[in-house]
Amino acid sequence: MNKPIEKTAFTDAHLGVSAEPLRALTAAQFAALGAGDIVFWKQMDAGDLVDFIPQAAMAPADQRLELLMSADGAPVLIADSREAIMDWIEGHEVRLATLH
């Protein structure tokens, strides 16, 4: 019979350090891990973006915009074309993360 595997965090009894240190991070600390190195790319209508980025109000509400955000949630670039986003990514040392 196959027995289910239990996943547990192990600690170093002498140091009190978790073998799974990411579990101990706050949400802000976790987000800051990739800040400046990892970006997320998302398409949004300008009207949906206004609450988050007020400058999006300069575009028609139904205009589709490309939004590039840092891992910590800070906006990096708003563009009206995929090409502009790709050009920016190619010119900077960042990794593009995919969202699932």
PDB file of N, CA and C in Angstrom:
ATOM      1  N   MET A   1       0.818  -1.183   0.000  1.00  0.00           N
ATOM      2  CA  MET A   1       0.000   0.000   0.000  1.00  0.00           C
ATOM      3  C   MET A   1       0.863   1.248   0.000  1.00  0.00           C
ATOM      4  N   ASN A   2       0.382   2.245  -0.742  1.00  0.00           N
ATOM      5  CA  ASN A   2       1.083   3.524  -0.741  1.00  0.00           C
ATOM      6  C   ASN A   2       0.580   4.385   0.396  1.00  0.00           C
ATOM      7  N   LYS A   3       1.507   4.918   1.115  1.00  0.00           N
ATOM      8  CA  LYS A   3       1.172   5.767   2.246  1.00  0.00           C
ATOM      9  C   LYS A   3       1.334   7.218   1.811  1.00  0.00           C
ATOM     10  N   PRO A   4       0.398   8.125   2.123  1.00  0.00           N
ATOM     11  CA  PRO A   4       0.556   9.525   1.735  1.00  0.00           C
ATOM     12  C   PRO A   4       1.797  10.126   2.388  1.00  0.00           C
ATOM     13  N   ILE A   5       2.447  10.980   1.644  1.00  0.00           N
ATOM     14  CA  ILE A   5       3.643  11.648   2.155  1.00  0.00           C
ATOM     15  C   ILE A   5       3.219  12.912   2.880  1.00  0.00           C
ATOM     16  N   GLU A   6       3.692  13.047   4.095  1.00  0.00           N
ATOM     17  CA  GLU A   6       3.411  14.262   4.853  1.00  0.00           C
ATOM     18  C   GLU A   6       4.520  15.259   4.607  1.00  0.00           C
ATOM     19  N   LYS A   7       4.130  16.479   4.313  1.00  0.00           N
ATOM     20  CA  LYS A   7       5.116  17.534   4.105  1.00  0.00           C
ATOM     21  C   LYS A   7       5.234  18.321   5.403  1.00  0.00           C
ATOM     22  N   THR A   8       6.431  18.347   5.932  1.00  0.00           N
ATOM     23  CA  THR A   8       6.659  19.104   7.160  1.00  0.00           C
ATOM     24  C   THR A   8       7.865  20.002   6.981  1.00  0.00           C
ATOM     25  N   ALA A   9       7.898  21.069   7.730  1.00  0.00           N
ATOM     26  CA  ALA A   9       9.056  21.963   7.718  1.00  0.00           C
ATOM     27  C   ALA A   9      10.030  21.465   8.775  1.00  0.00           C
ATOM     28  N   PHE A  10      11.279  21.365   8.405  1.00  0.00           N
ATOM     29  CA  PHE A  10      12.298  20.930   9.346  1.00  0.00           C
ATOM     30  C   PHE A  10      13.057  22.145   9.847  1.00  0.00           C
ATOM     31  N   THR A  11      13.507  22.074  11.088  1.00  0.00           N
ATOM     32  CA  THR A  11      14.300  23.172  11.635  1.00  0.00           C
ATOM     33  C   THR A  11      15.623  22.637  12.126  1.00  0.00           C
ATOM     34  N   ASP A  12      16.600  23.490  12.113  1.00  0.00           N
ATOM     35  CA  ASP A  12      17.893  23.160  12.681  1.00  0.00           C
ATOM     36  C   ASP A  12      17.773  23.461  14.172  1.00  0.00           C
ATOM     37  N   ALA A  13      17.788  22.445  14.987  1.00  0.00           N
ATOM     38  CA  ALA A  13      17.556  22.617  16.424  1.00  0.00           C
ATOM     39  C   ALA A  13      18.557  23.566  17.070  1.00  0.00           C
ATOM     40  N   HIS A  14      19.767  23.604  16.548  1.00  0.00           N
ATOM     41  CA  HIS A  14      20.794  24.469  17.136  1.00  0.00           C
ATOM     42  C   HIS A  14      20.608  25.925  16.730  1.00  0.00           C
ATOM     43  N   LEU A  15      20.167  26.145  15.503  1.00  0.00           N
ATOM     44  CA  LEU A  15      20.051  27.510  14.995  1.00  0.00           C
ATOM     45  C   LEU A  15      18.625  28.040  15.039  1.00  0.00           C
ATOM     46  N   GLY A  16      17.653  27.156  15.106  1.00  0.00           N
ATOM     47  CA  GLY A  16      16.266  27.592  15.076  1.00  0.00           C
ATOM     48  C   GLY A  16      15.865  28.138  13.719  1.00  0.00           C
ATOM     49  N   VAL A  17      16.522  27.682  12.664  1.00  0.00           N
ATOM     50  CA  VAL A  17      16.282  28.174  11.311  1.00  0.00           C
ATOM     51  C   VAL A  17      15.412  27.179  10.564  1.00  0.00           C
ATOM     52  N   SER A  18      14.404  27.674   9.905  1.00  0.00           N
ATOM     53  CA  SER A  18      13.515  26.826   9.130  1.00  0.00           C
ATOM     54  C   SER A  18      14.175  26.420   7.823  1.00  0.00           C
ATOM     55  N   ALA A  19      13.932  25.187   7.392  1.00  0.00           N
ATOM     56  CA  ALA A  19      14.427  24.724   6.099  1.00  0.00           C
ATOM     57  C   ALA A  19      13.582  25.296   4.972  1.00  0.00           C
ATOM     58  N   GLU A  20      12.465  25.924   5.310  1.00  0.00           N
ATOM     59  CA  GLU A  20      11.585  26.557   4.334  1.00  0.00           C
ATOM     60  C   GLU A  20      11.439  28.029   4.708  1.00  0.00           C
ATOM     61  N   PRO A  21      12.506  28.822   4.511  1.00  0.00           N
ATOM     62  CA  PRO A  21      12.502  30.215   4.975  1.00  0.00           C
ATOM     63  C   PRO A  21      11.458  31.101   4.305  1.00  0.00           C
ATOM     64  N   LEU A  22      11.015  30.762   3.094  1.00  0.00           N
ATOM     65  CA  LEU A  22      10.031  31.605   2.414  1.00  0.00           C
ATOM     66  C   LEU A  22       8.690  31.606   3.138  1.00  0.00           C
ATOM     67  N   ARG A  23       8.396  30.568   3.874  1.00  0.00           N
ATOM     68  CA  ARG A  23       7.132  30.507   4.613  1.00  0.00           C
ATOM     69  C   ARG A  23       7.087  31.532   5.742  1.00  0.00           C
ATOM     70  N   ALA A  24       8.249  31.985   6.198  1.00  0.00           N
ATOM     71  CA  ALA A  24       8.305  32.929   7.316  1.00  0.00           C
ATOM     72  C   ALA A  24       8.284  34.387   6.860  1.00  0.00           C
ATOM     73  N   LEU A  25       8.311  34.629   5.553  1.00  0.00           N
ATOM     74  CA  LEU A  25       8.331  35.998   5.042  1.00  0.00           C
ATOM     75  C   LEU A  25       6.949  36.636   5.113  1.00  0.00           C
ATOM     76  N   THR A  26       6.937  37.940   5.353  1.00  0.00           N
ATOM     77  CA  THR A  26       5.679  38.683   5.259  1.00  0.00           C
ATOM     78  C   THR A  26       5.356  38.862   3.780  1.00  0.00           C
ATOM     79  N   ALA A  27       4.143  39.272   3.470  1.00  0.00           N
ATOM     80  CA  ALA A  27       3.752  39.506   2.075  1.00  0.00           C
ATOM     81  C   ALA A  27       4.642  40.570   1.443  1.00  0.00           C
ATOM     82  N   ALA A  28       4.963  41.623   2.185  1.00  0.00           N
ATOM     83  CA  ALA A  28       5.811  42.700   1.662  1.00  0.00           C
ATOM     84  C   ALA A  28       7.230  42.206   1.401  1.00  0.00           C
ATOM     85  N   GLN A  29       7.771  41.390   2.296  1.00  0.00           N
ATOM     86  CA  GLN A  29       9.116  40.847   2.099  1.00  0.00           C
ATOM     87  C   GLN A  29       9.147  39.919   0.888  1.00  0.00           C
ATOM     88  N   PHE A  30       8.112  39.104   0.740  1.00  0.00           N
ATOM     89  CA  PHE A  30       8.048  38.193  -0.392  1.00  0.00           C
ATOM     90  C   PHE A  30       7.981  38.963  -1.707  1.00  0.00           C
ATOM     91  N   ALA A  31       7.146  39.992  -1.765  1.00  0.00           N
ATOM     92  CA  ALA A  31       7.009  40.801  -2.979  1.00  0.00           C
ATOM     93  C   ALA A  31       8.311  41.493  -3.323  1.00  0.00           C
ATOM     94  N   ALA A  32       9.063  41.920  -2.317  1.00  0.00           N
ATOM     95  CA  ALA A  32      10.309  42.645  -2.558  1.00  0.00           C
ATOM     96  C   ALA A  32      11.422  41.743  -3.086  1.00  0.00           C
ATOM     97  N   LEU A  33      11.271  40.430  -2.978  1.00  0.00           N
ATOM     98  CA  LEU A  33      12.318  39.523  -3.448  1.00  0.00           C
ATOM     99  C   LEU A  33      12.665  39.742  -4.915  1.00  0.00           C
ATOM    100  N   GLY A  34      11.674  39.957  -5.742  1.00  0.00           N
ATOM    101  CA  GLY A  34      11.925  40.100  -7.167  1.00  0.00           C
ATOM    102  C   GLY A  34      11.852  41.522  -7.673  1.00  0.00           C
ATOM    103  N   ALA A  35      11.643  42.481  -6.784  1.00  0.00           N
ATOM    104  CA  ALA A  35      11.506  43.882  -7.200  1.00  0.00           C
ATOM    105  C   ALA A  35      12.740  44.315  -7.981  1.00  0.00           C
ATOM    106  N   GLY A  36      12.505  44.829  -9.166  1.00  0.00           N
ATOM    107  CA  GLY A  36      13.599  45.278 -10.012  1.00  0.00           C
ATOM    108  C   GLY A  36      14.176  44.198 -10.903  1.00  0.00           C
ATOM    109  N   ASP A  37      13.887  42.940 -10.610  1.00  0.00           N
ATOM    110  CA  ASP A  37      14.433  41.832 -11.392  1.00  0.00           C
ATOM    111  C   ASP A  37      13.365  41.066 -12.162  1.00  0.00           C
ATOM    112  N   ILE A  38      12.164  41.032 -11.625  1.00  0.00           N
ATOM    113  CA  ILE A  38      11.078  40.254 -12.221  1.00  0.00           C
ATOM    114  C   ILE A  38       9.923  41.188 -12.547  1.00  0.00           C
ATOM    115  N   VAL A  39       9.371  41.038 -13.751  1.00  0.00           N
ATOM    116  CA  VAL A  39       8.224  41.852 -14.150  1.00  0.00           C
ATOM    117  C   VAL A  39       7.088  40.944 -14.614  1.00  0.00           C
ATOM    118  N   PHE A  40       5.881  41.453 -14.459  1.00  0.00           N
ATOM    119  CA  PHE A  40       4.670  40.770 -14.901  1.00  0.00           C
ATOM    120  C   PHE A  40       4.022  41.630 -15.977  1.00  0.00           C
ATOM    121  N   TRP A  41       3.474  41.005 -16.997  1.00  0.00           N
ATOM    122  CA  TRP A  41       2.883  41.713 -18.124  1.00  0.00           C
ATOM    123  C   TRP A  41       1.404  41.365 -18.181  1.00  0.00           C
ATOM    124  N   LYS A  42       0.585  42.385 -18.243  1.00  0.00           N
ATOM    125  CA  LYS A  42      -0.857  42.158 -18.277  1.00  0.00           C
ATOM    126  C   LYS A  42      -1.518  43.181 -19.188  1.00  0.00           C
ATOM    127  N   GLN A  43      -2.571  42.779 -19.877  1.00  0.00           N
ATOM    128  CA  GLN A  43      -3.379  43.699 -20.672  1.00  0.00           C
ATOM    129  C   GLN A  43      -4.582  44.125 -19.852  1.00  0.00           C
ATOM    130  N   MET A  44      -4.911  45.410 -19.933  1.00  0.00           N
ATOM    131  CA  MET A  44      -6.082  45.931 -19.223  1.00  0.00           C
ATOM    132  C   MET A  44      -6.692  47.056 -20.029  1.00  0.00           C
ATOM    133  N   ASP A  45      -7.991  47.268 -19.856  1.00  0.00           N
ATOM    134  CA  ASP A  45      -8.634  48.441 -20.431  1.00  0.00           C
ATOM    135  C   ASP A  45      -8.244  49.645 -19.585  1.00  0.00           C
ATOM    136  N   ALA A  46      -8.057  50.783 -20.235  1.00  0.00           N
ATOM    137  CA  ALA A  46      -7.655  52.002 -19.523  1.00  0.00           C
ATOM    138  C   ALA A  46      -8.636  52.342 -18.406  1.00  0.00           C
ATOM    139  N   GLY A  47      -9.926  52.146 -18.643  1.00  0.00           N
ATOM    140  CA  GLY A  47     -10.934  52.447 -17.629  1.00  0.00           C
ATOM    141  C   GLY A  47     -10.777  51.619 -16.363  1.00  0.00           C
ATOM    142  N   ASP A  48     -10.310  50.380 -16.498  1.00  0.00           N
ATOM    143  CA  ASP A  48     -10.098  49.512 -15.338  1.00  0.00           C
ATOM    144  C   ASP A  48      -8.808  49.854 -14.599  1.00  0.00           C
ATOM    145  N   LEU A  49      -7.938  50.551 -15.269  1.00  0.00           N
ATOM    146  CA  LEU A  49      -6.622  50.870 -14.720  1.00  0.00           C
ATOM    147  C   LEU A  49      -6.596  52.188 -13.950  1.00  0.00           C
ATOM    148  N   VAL A  50      -7.609  53.026 -14.164  1.00  0.00           N
ATOM    149  CA  VAL A  50      -7.628  54.382 -13.594  1.00  0.00           C
ATOM    150  C   VAL A  50      -7.531  54.398 -12.071  1.00  0.00           C
ATOM    151  N   ASP A  51      -8.227  53.494 -11.387  1.00  0.00           N
ATOM    152  CA  ASP A  51      -8.172  53.477  -9.919  1.00  0.00           C
ATOM    153  C   ASP A  51      -6.769  53.176  -9.413  1.00  0.00           C
ATOM    154  N   PHE A  52      -6.043  52.388 -10.168  1.00  0.00           N
ATOM    155  CA  PHE A  52      -4.698  51.977  -9.782  1.00  0.00           C
ATOM    156  C   PHE A  52      -3.643  52.982 -10.234  1.00  0.00           C
ATOM    157  N   ILE A  53      -3.804  53.464 -11.468  1.00  0.00           N
ATOM    158  CA  ILE A  53      -2.859  54.424 -12.050  1.00  0.00           C
ATOM    159  C   ILE A  53      -3.671  55.565 -12.658  1.00  0.00           C
ATOM    160  N   PRO A  54      -3.812  56.685 -11.956  1.00  0.00           N
ATOM    161  CA  PRO A  54      -4.668  57.790 -12.398  1.00  0.00           C
ATOM    162  C   PRO A  54      -4.344  58.325 -13.799  1.00  0.00           C
ATOM    163  N   GLN A  55      -3.096  58.253 -14.229  1.00  0.00           N
ATOM    164  CA  GLN A  55      -2.720  58.756 -15.550  1.00  0.00           C
ATOM    165  C   GLN A  55      -3.390  57.984 -16.682  1.00  0.00           C
ATOM    166  N   ALA A  56      -3.900  56.808 -16.403  1.00  0.00           N
ATOM    167  CA  ALA A  56      -4.592  56.017 -17.426  1.00  0.00           C
ATOM    168  C   ALA A  56      -5.864  56.711 -17.893  1.00  0.00           C
ATOM    169  N   ALA A  57      -6.350  57.687 -17.136  1.00  0.00           N
ATOM    170  CA  ALA A  57      -7.555  58.434 -17.517  1.00  0.00           C
ATOM    171  C   ALA A  57      -7.326  59.261 -18.775  1.00  0.00           C
ATOM    172  N   MET A  58      -6.077  59.474 -19.158  1.00  0.00           N
ATOM    173  CA  MET A  58      -5.775  60.235 -20.378  1.00  0.00           C
ATOM    174  C   MET A  58      -6.136  59.443 -21.632  1.00  0.00           C
ATOM    175  N   ALA A  59      -6.280  58.134 -21.513  1.00  0.00           N
ATOM    176  CA  ALA A  59      -6.638  57.285 -22.652  1.00  0.00           C
ATOM    177  C   ALA A  59      -8.141  57.010 -22.619  1.00  0.00           C
ATOM    178  N   PRO A  60      -8.754  56.739 -23.781  1.00  0.00           N
ATOM    179  CA  PRO A  60     -10.170  56.361 -23.792  1.00  0.00           C
ATOM    180  C   PRO A  60     -10.386  55.130 -22.901  1.00  0.00           C
ATOM    181  N   ALA A  61     -11.491  55.101 -22.172  1.00  0.00           N
ATOM    182  CA  ALA A  61     -11.752  54.039 -21.193  1.00  0.00           C
ATOM    183  C   ALA A  61     -11.702  52.637 -21.788  1.00  0.00           C
ATOM    184  N   ASP A  62     -12.073  52.491 -23.071  1.00  0.00           N
ATOM    185  CA  ASP A  62     -12.091  51.159 -23.674  1.00  0.00           C
ATOM    186  C   ASP A  62     -10.794  50.806 -24.405  1.00  0.00           C
ATOM    187  N   GLN A  63      -9.797  51.686 -24.343  1.00  0.00           N
ATOM    188  CA  GLN A  63      -8.520  51.395 -25.010  1.00  0.00           C
ATOM    189  C   GLN A  63      -7.778  50.304 -24.246  1.00  0.00           C
ATOM    190  N   ARG A  64      -7.303  49.313 -24.984  1.00  0.00           N
ATOM    191  CA  ARG A  64      -6.543  48.204 -24.394  1.00  0.00           C
ATOM    192  C   ARG A  64      -5.109  48.670 -24.198  1.00  0.00           C
ATOM    193  N   LEU A  65      -4.604  48.570 -22.975  1.00  0.00           N
ATOM    194  CA  LEU A  65      -3.241  48.980 -22.663  1.00  0.00           C
ATOM    195  C   LEU A  65      -2.433  47.783 -22.184  1.00  0.00           C
ATOM    196  N   GLU A  66      -1.143  47.870 -22.395  1.00  0.00           N
ATOM    197  CA  GLU A  66      -0.215  46.847 -21.929  1.00  0.00           C
ATOM    198  C   GLU A  66       0.414  47.380 -20.645  1.00  0.00           C
ATOM    199  N   LEU A  67       0.359  46.605 -19.582  1.00  0.00           N
ATOM    200  CA  LEU A  67       0.868  47.032 -18.285  1.00  0.00           C
ATOM    201  C   LEU A  67       1.998  46.111 -17.861  1.00  0.00           C
ATOM    202  N   LEU A  68       3.122  46.697 -17.518  1.00  0.00           N
ATOM    203  CA  LEU A  68       4.266  45.953 -17.008  1.00  0.00           C
ATOM    204  C   LEU A  68       4.447  46.364 -15.557  1.00  0.00           C
ATOM    205  N   MET A  69       4.469  45.374 -14.661  1.00  0.00           N
ATOM    206  CA  MET A  69       4.578  45.660 -13.229  1.00  0.00           C
ATOM    207  C   MET A  69       5.746  44.901 -12.627  1.00  0.00           C
ATOM    208  N   SER A  70       6.357  45.512 -11.626  1.00  0.00           N
ATOM    209  CA  SER A  70       7.432  44.884 -10.884  1.00  0.00           C
ATOM    210  C   SER A  70       6.849  43.806  -9.978  1.00  0.00           C
ATOM    211  N   ALA A  71       7.694  42.920  -9.502  1.00  0.00           N
ATOM    212  CA  ALA A  71       7.240  41.843  -8.621  1.00  0.00           C
ATOM    213  C   ALA A  71       6.599  42.368  -7.344  1.00  0.00           C
ATOM    214  N   ASP A  72       6.958  43.578  -6.936  1.00  0.00           N
ATOM    215  CA  ASP A  72       6.367  44.145  -5.719  1.00  0.00           C
ATOM    216  C   ASP A  72       5.060  44.881  -5.992  1.00  0.00           C
ATOM    217  N   GLY A  73       4.596  44.851  -7.250  1.00  0.00           N
ATOM    218  CA  GLY A  73       3.322  45.469  -7.610  1.00  0.00           C
ATOM    219  C   GLY A  73       3.420  46.884  -8.129  1.00  0.00           C
ATOM    220  N   ALA A  74       4.610  47.448  -8.131  1.00  0.00           N
ATOM    221  CA  ALA A  74       4.789  48.814  -8.624  1.00  0.00           C
ATOM    222  C   ALA A  74       4.710  48.828 -10.151  1.00  0.00           C
ATOM    223  N   PRO A  75       3.984  49.791 -10.728  1.00  0.00           N
ATOM    224  CA  PRO A  75       3.935  49.880 -12.190  1.00  0.00           C
ATOM    225  C   PRO A  75       5.300  50.260 -12.745  1.00  0.00           C
ATOM    226  N   VAL A  76       5.691  49.605 -13.820  1.00  0.00           N
ATOM    227  CA  VAL A  76       6.971  49.868 -14.466  1.00  0.00           C
ATOM    228  C   VAL A  76       6.751  50.621 -15.767  1.00  0.00           C
ATOM    229  N   LEU A  77       5.772  50.173 -16.555  1.00  0.00           N
ATOM    230  CA  LEU A  77       5.528  50.767 -17.867  1.00  0.00           C
ATOM    231  C   LEU A  77       4.086  50.516 -18.282  1.00  0.00           C
ATOM    232  N   ILE A  78       3.474  51.532 -18.859  1.00  0.00           N
ATOM    233  CA  ILE A  78       2.169  51.392 -19.497  1.00  0.00           C
ATOM    234  C   ILE A  78       2.387  51.753 -20.955  1.00  0.00           C
ATOM    235  N   ALA A  79       1.946  50.887 -21.849  1.00  0.00           N
ATOM    236  CA  ALA A  79       2.158  51.125 -23.272  1.00  0.00           C
ATOM    237  C   ALA A  79       0.893  50.775 -24.041  1.00  0.00           C
ATOM    238  N   ASP A  80       0.834  51.255 -25.278  1.00  0.00           N
ATOM    239  CA  ASP A  80      -0.324  50.943 -26.113  1.00  0.00           C
ATOM    240  C   ASP A  80      -0.021  49.852 -27.129  1.00  0.00           C
ATOM    241  N   SER A  81       1.169  49.240 -27.028  1.00  0.00           N
ATOM    242  CA  SER A  81       1.499  48.170 -27.970  1.00  0.00           C
ATOM    243  C   SER A  81       2.402  47.126 -27.323  1.00  0.00           C
ATOM    244  N   ARG A  82       2.280  45.905 -27.824  1.00  0.00           N
ATOM    245  CA  ARG A  82       3.153  44.812 -27.372  1.00  0.00           C
ATOM    246  C   ARG A  82       4.602  45.112 -27.724  1.00  0.00           C
ATOM    247  N   GLU A  83       4.797  45.746 -28.876  1.00  0.00           N
ATOM    248  CA  GLU A  83       6.154  46.047 -29.330  1.00  0.00           C
ATOM    249  C   GLU A  83       6.881  46.950 -28.336  1.00  0.00           C
ATOM    250  N   ALA A  84       6.173  47.929 -27.795  1.00  0.00           N
ATOM    251  CA  ALA A  84       6.791  48.836 -26.820  1.00  0.00           C
ATOM    252  C   ALA A  84       7.217  48.072 -25.569  1.00  0.00           C
ATOM    253  N   ILE A  85       6.382  47.150 -25.131  1.00  0.00           N
ATOM    254  CA  ILE A  85       6.722  46.338 -23.960  1.00  0.00           C
ATOM    255  C   ILE A  85       7.937  45.468 -24.265  1.00  0.00           C
ATOM    256  N   MET A  86       7.924  44.799 -25.415  1.00  0.00           N
ATOM    257  CA  MET A  86       9.045  43.930 -25.792  1.00  0.00           C
ATOM    258  C   MET A  86      10.343  44.721 -25.906  1.00  0.00           C
ATOM    259  N   ASP A  87      10.283  45.901 -26.508  1.00  0.00           N
ATOM    260  CA  ASP A  87      11.478  46.746 -26.618  1.00  0.00           C
ATOM    261  C   ASP A  87      12.014  47.105 -25.244  1.00  0.00           C
ATOM    262  N   TRP A  88      11.118  47.448 -24.318  1.00  0.00           N
ATOM    263  CA  TRP A  88      11.553  47.823 -22.977  1.00  0.00           C
ATOM    264  C   TRP A  88      12.213  46.636 -22.282  1.00  0.00           C
ATOM    265  N   ILE A  89      11.585  45.461 -22.373  1.00  0.00           N
ATOM    266  CA  ILE A  89      12.131  44.259 -21.726  1.00  0.00           C
ATOM    267  C   ILE A  89      13.509  43.930 -22.285  1.00  0.00           C
ATOM    268  N   GLU A  90      13.659  44.019 -23.611  1.00  0.00           N
ATOM    269  CA  GLU A  90      14.944  43.714 -24.239  1.00  0.00           C
ATOM    270  C   GLU A  90      16.040  44.678 -23.805  1.00  0.00           C
ATOM    271  N   GLY A  91      15.676  45.905 -23.464  1.00  0.00           N
ATOM    272  CA  GLY A  91      16.658  46.906 -23.069  1.00  0.00           C
ATOM    273  C   GLY A  91      16.980  46.917 -21.586  1.00  0.00           C
ATOM    274  N   HIS A  92      16.358  46.040 -20.817  1.00  0.00           N
ATOM    275  CA  HIS A  92      16.575  46.006 -19.368  1.00  0.00           C
ATOM    276  C   HIS A  92      16.872  44.583 -18.912  1.00  0.00           C
ATOM    277  N   GLU A  93      17.611  44.464 -17.855  1.00  0.00           N
ATOM    278  CA  GLU A  93      17.954  43.147 -17.323  1.00  0.00           C
ATOM    279  C   GLU A  93      16.878  42.691 -16.344  1.00  0.00           C
ATOM    280  N   VAL A  94      15.764  42.242 -16.903  1.00  0.00           N
ATOM    281  CA  VAL A  94      14.651  41.747 -16.094  1.00  0.00           C
ATOM    282  C   VAL A  94      14.199  40.403 -16.639  1.00  0.00           C
ATOM    283  N   ARG A  95      13.488  39.684 -15.817  1.00  0.00           N
ATOM    284  CA  ARG A  95      12.890  38.417 -16.241  1.00  0.00           C
ATOM    285  C   ARG A  95      11.383  38.602 -16.274  1.00  0.00           C
ATOM    286  N   LEU A  96      10.774  38.100 -17.308  1.00  0.00           N
ATOM    287  CA  LEU A  96       9.325  38.171 -17.450  1.00  0.00           C
ATOM    288  C   LEU A  96       8.707  36.933 -16.809  1.00  0.00           C
ATOM    289  N   ALA A  97       7.880  37.150 -15.812  1.00  0.00           N
ATOM    290  CA  ALA A  97       7.193  36.043 -15.141  1.00  0.00           C
ATOM    291  C   ALA A  97       5.848  35.826 -15.816  1.00  0.00           C
ATOM    292  N   THR A  98       5.396  34.606 -15.799  1.00  0.00           N
ATOM    293  CA  THR A  98       4.080  34.304 -16.352  1.00  0.00           C
ATOM    294  C   THR A  98       3.111  34.095 -15.204  1.00  0.00           C
ATOM    295  N   LEU A  99       1.887  34.520 -15.405  1.00  0.00           N
ATOM    296  CA  LEU A  99       0.846  34.351 -14.394  1.00  0.00           C
ATOM    297  C   LEU A  99      -0.034  33.192 -14.796  1.00  0.00           C
ATOM    298  N   HIS A 100      -0.408  32.380 -13.845  1.00  0.00           N
ATOM    299  CA  HIS A 100      -1.293  31.243 -14.124  1.00  0.00           C
ATOM    300  C   HIS A 100      -2.548  31.373 -13.326  1.00  0.00           C
TER     301      HIS A 100
END
